[in-house]
C-alpha atoms as a PDB file:
ATOM      1  CA  MET A   1      11.981  11.482  11.095  1.00  0.00           C
ATOM      2  CA  ALA A   2      14.368  11.227   7.781  1.00  0.00           C
ATOM      3  CA  HIS A   3      14.724   7.447   8.182  1.00  0.00           C
ATOM      4  CA  PHE A   4      10.686   7.185   8.362  1.00  0.00           C
ATOM      5  CA  LEU A   5      10.601   9.087   5.050  1.00  0.00           C
ATOM      6  CA  GLN A   6      13.324   7.241   3.425  1.00  0.00           C
ATOM      7  CA  ASN A   7      11.377   3.658   4.336  1.00  0.00           C
ATOM      8  CA  LEU A   8       7.970   5.313   3.221  1.00  0.00           C
ATOM      9  CA  LEU A   9       9.152   6.164  -0.027  1.00  0.00           C
ATOM     10  CA  THR A  10      10.997   2.673  -0.389  1.00  0.00           C
ATOM     11  CA  ALA A  11       7.894   0.877   0.445  1.00  0.00           C
ATOM     12  CA  SER A  12       5.706   2.871  -1.528  1.00  0.00           C
ATOM     13  CA  LEU A  13       7.936   2.205  -4.588  1.00  0.00           C
ATOM     14  CA  HIS A  14       8.040  -1.495  -3.989  1.00  0.00           C
ATOM     15  CA  GLY A  15       4.357  -1.810  -3.292  1.00  0.00           C
ATOM     16  CA  SER A  16       3.715  -0.044  -6.674  1.00  0.00           C
ATOM     17  CA  VAL A  17       5.648  -2.639  -8.263  1.00  0.00           C
ATOM     18  CA  VAL A  18       3.528  -5.435  -6.739  1.00  0.00           C
ATOM     19  CA  ILE A  19       0.281  -3.885  -7.717  1.00  0.00           C
ATOM     20  CA  LEU A  20       1.360  -3.618 -11.302  1.00  0.00           C
ATOM     21  CA  ALA A  21       2.392  -7.191 -11.107  1.00  0.00           C
ATOM     22  CA  VAL A  22      -1.312  -8.073  -9.423  1.00  0.00           C
ATOM     23  CA  ILE A  23      -2.801  -5.772 -12.444  1.00  0.00           C
ATOM     24  CA  LEU A  24      -0.915  -7.860 -15.221  1.00  0.00           C
ATOM     25  CA  SER A  25      -1.674 -11.227 -13.711  1.00  0.00           C
ATOM     26  CA  ARG A  26      -5.364 -10.204 -13.548  1.00  0.00           C
ATOM     27  CA  LEU A  27      -5.215  -9.601 -17.418  1.00  0.00           C
ATOM     28  CA  ILE A  28      -3.381 -12.704 -17.980  1.00  0.00           C
ATOM     29  CA  PHE A  29      -5.467 -15.001 -15.758  1.00  0.00           C
ATOM     30  CA  GLN A  30      -9.016 -13.955 -16.481  1.00  0.00           C
ATOM     31  CA  LYS A  31     -10.532 -17.083 -15.973  1.00  0.00           C
ATOM     32  CA  THR A  32      -9.138 -17.404 -12.460  1.00  0.00           C
ATOM     33  CA  PRO A  33     -11.784 -17.707  -9.469  1.00  0.00           C
ATOM     34  CA  LYS A  34     -12.073 -14.656  -7.809  1.00  0.00           C
ATOM     35  CA  LYS A  35     -10.858 -15.596  -4.475  1.00  0.00           C
ATOM     36  CA  TYR A  36      -7.231 -16.061  -5.765  1.00  0.00           C
ATOM     37  CA  ILE A  37      -7.598 -12.369  -7.365  1.00  0.00           C
ATOM     38  CA  CYS A  38      -8.153 -11.216  -3.698  1.00  0.00           C
ATOM     39  CA  MET A  39      -5.423 -13.293  -2.632  1.00  0.00           C
ATOM     40  CA  LEU A  40      -3.168 -11.471  -4.753  1.00  0.00           C
ATOM     41  CA  TRP A  41      -4.371  -8.169  -3.573  1.00  0.00           C
ATOM     42  CA  LEU A  42      -4.052  -9.051   0.082  1.00  0.00           C
ATOM     43  CA  LEU A  43      -0.167  -9.764  -0.885  1.00  0.00           C
ATOM     44  CA  ALA A  44      -0.270  -6.106  -2.323  1.00  0.00           C
ATOM     45  CA  GLY A  45      -1.872  -4.836   0.618  1.00  0.00           C
ATOM     46  CA  ILE A  46       0.511  -6.394   3.085  1.00  0.00           C
ATOM     47  CA  ARG A  47       3.581  -5.362   1.241  1.00  0.00           C
ATOM     48  CA  LEU A  48       2.432  -1.778   1.316  1.00  0.00           C
ATOM     49  CA  LEU A  49       1.973  -2.013   5.158  1.00  0.00           C
ATOM     50  CA  LEU A  50       5.128  -4.034   5.988  1.00  0.00           C
ATOM     51  CA  PRO A  51       7.974  -1.688   7.317  1.00  0.00           C
ATOM     52  CA  ILE A  52      10.408  -4.171   6.444  1.00  0.00           C
ATOM     53  CA  GLU A  53      11.966  -5.169   3.049  1.00  0.00           C
ATOM     54  CA  ILE A  54      12.276  -8.832   2.136  1.00  0.00           C
ATOM     55  CA  ARG A  55      15.208  -9.434  -0.170  1.00  0.00           C
ATOM     56  CA  SER A  56      15.666 -12.463  -2.260  1.00  0.00           C
ATOM     57  CA  ASP A  57      18.006 -13.114  -5.344  1.00  0.00           C
ATOM     58  CA  PHE A  58      15.018 -14.446  -7.158  1.00  0.00           C
ATOM     59  CA  SER A  59      13.087 -11.117  -6.736  1.00  0.00           C
ATOM     60  CA  LEU A  60      11.078  -9.829  -9.607  1.00  0.00           C
ATOM     61  CA  GLN A  61      11.440  -6.328  -7.857  1.00  0.00           C
ATOM     62  CA  PRO A  62      14.640  -4.366  -9.006  1.00  0.00           C
ATOM     63  CA  GLN A  63      17.338  -3.211  -6.230  1.00  0.00           C
ATOM     64  CA  PHE A  64      16.592   0.482  -6.189  1.00  0.00           C
ATOM     65  CA  THR A  65      17.284   3.188  -3.489  1.00  0.00           C
ATOM     66  CA  ILE A  66      16.107   6.641  -3.637  1.00  0.00           C
ATOM     67  CA  PRO A  67      18.733   9.403  -3.329  1.00  0.00           C
ATOM     68  CA  PHE A  68      17.706  10.659  -0.028  1.00  0.00           C
ATOM     69  CA  ALA A  69      20.436  13.417  -0.067  1.00  0.00           C
ATOM     70  CA  LYS A  70      18.166  15.102  -2.585  1.00  0.00           C
ATOM     71  CA  ILE A  71      14.880  15.010  -0.758  1.00  0.00           C
ATOM     72  CA  THR A  72      16.182  16.247   2.652  1.00  0.00           C
ATOM     73  CA  SER A  73      17.875  19.252   1.008  1.00  0.00           C
ATOM     74  CA  MET A  74      14.048  20.568   0.139  1.00  0.00           C
ATOM     75  CA  LYS A  75      12.422  22.811   2.673  1.00  0.00           C
ATOM     76  CA  TRP A  76       9.116  21.168   3.062  1.00  0.00           C
ATOM     77  CA  ALA A  77      10.866  17.637   3.595  1.00  0.00           C
ATOM     78  CA  ALA A  78       9.970  17.910   7.271  1.00  0.00           C
ATOM     79  CA  SER A  79       6.515  18.165   6.747  1.00  0.00           C
ATOM     80  CA  ILE A  80       5.719  15.134   4.441  1.00  0.00           C
ATOM     81  CA  PRO A  81       5.721  12.462   7.099  1.00  0.00           C
ATOM     82  CA  TRP A  82       2.957  14.770   8.766  1.00  0.00           C
ATOM     83  CA  ILE A  83       0.856  15.023   5.226  1.00  0.00           C
ATOM     84  CA  TRP A  84       1.281  11.328   5.228  1.00  0.00           C
ATOM     85  CA  GLY A  85       0.119  10.622   8.794  1.00  0.00           C
ATOM     86  CA  ILE A  86      -2.896  13.028   8.128  1.00  0.00           C
ATOM     87  CA  ILE A  87      -4.006  11.566   4.944  1.00  0.00           C
ATOM     88  CA  ALA A  88      -3.365   7.678   6.550  1.00  0.00           C
ATOM     89  CA  SER A  89      -5.878   9.012   9.380  1.00  0.00           C
ATOM     90  CA  LEU A  90      -8.354  10.102   6.871  1.00  0.00           C
ATOM     91  CA  PHE A  91      -8.484   7.037   5.108  1.00  0.00           C
ATOM     92  CA  VAL A  92      -8.921   5.382   8.350  1.00  0.00           C
ATOM     93  CA  LEU A  93     -11.961   7.386   9.662  1.00  0.00           C
ATOM     94  CA  TYR A  94     -13.280   7.041   6.218  1.00  0.00           C
ATOM     95  CA  SER A  95     -13.042   3.281   6.422  1.00  0.00           C
ATOM     96  CA  ILE A  96     -14.662   3.001   9.703  1.00  0.00           C
ATOM     97  CA  ALA A  97     -17.598   5.427   8.584  1.00  0.00           C
ATOM     98  CA  SER A  98     -18.354   3.414   5.565  1.00  0.00           C
ATOM     99  CA  TYR A  99     -18.137   0.247   7.753  1.00  0.00           C
ATOM    100  CA  LEU A 100     -20.621   1.715  10.305  1.00  0.00           C
ATOM    101  CA  LYS A 101     -23.009   2.811   7.564  1.00  0.00           C
ATOM    102  CA  LEU A 102     -23.020  -0.574   5.729  1.00  0.00           C
ATOM    103  CA  LYS A 103     -23.273  -2.409   9.065  1.00  0.00           C
ATOM    104  CA  ASN A 104     -26.640  -0.158   9.786  1.00  0.00           C
ATOM    105  CA  LYS A 105     -27.827  -0.730   6.568  1.00  0.00           C
ATOM    106  CA  VAL A 106     -27.769  -4.616   6.553  1.00  0.00           C
ATOM    107  CA  GLN A 107     -28.272  -4.678  10.326  1.00  0.00           C
ATOM    108  CA  GLU A 108     -32.096  -6.029   9.974  1.00  0.00           C
ATOM    109  CA  ALA A 109     -31.270  -8.135   7.030  1.00  0.00           C
ATOM    110  CA  ILE A 110     -32.364 -11.649   6.799  1.00  0.00           C
ATOM    111  CA  ARG A 111     -30.387 -14.538   5.262  1.00  0.00           C
END
């Protein structure tokens, strides 16, 4: 459980760096076609979903680790993975519900 929490926090921090890079690149490349911007967001999403870390000497992401000893000493640290799982499940349920709602709206649409 502790290993899961450490991986989750590290992946979230690295994902936030990638999201910040995508936002900055959108500001710089405003005339870029939208499909390339969507590909950048896809990279950010993949980074958030991957449980492994890809390391390189030429990486833009700093090498940082979370001091996990401070986190495990907290009383509520054991409930963090459960809270994360509940919130992730709610996002999945919301995504499915919004997909089905949109599918019903456009079911009789004509091209």
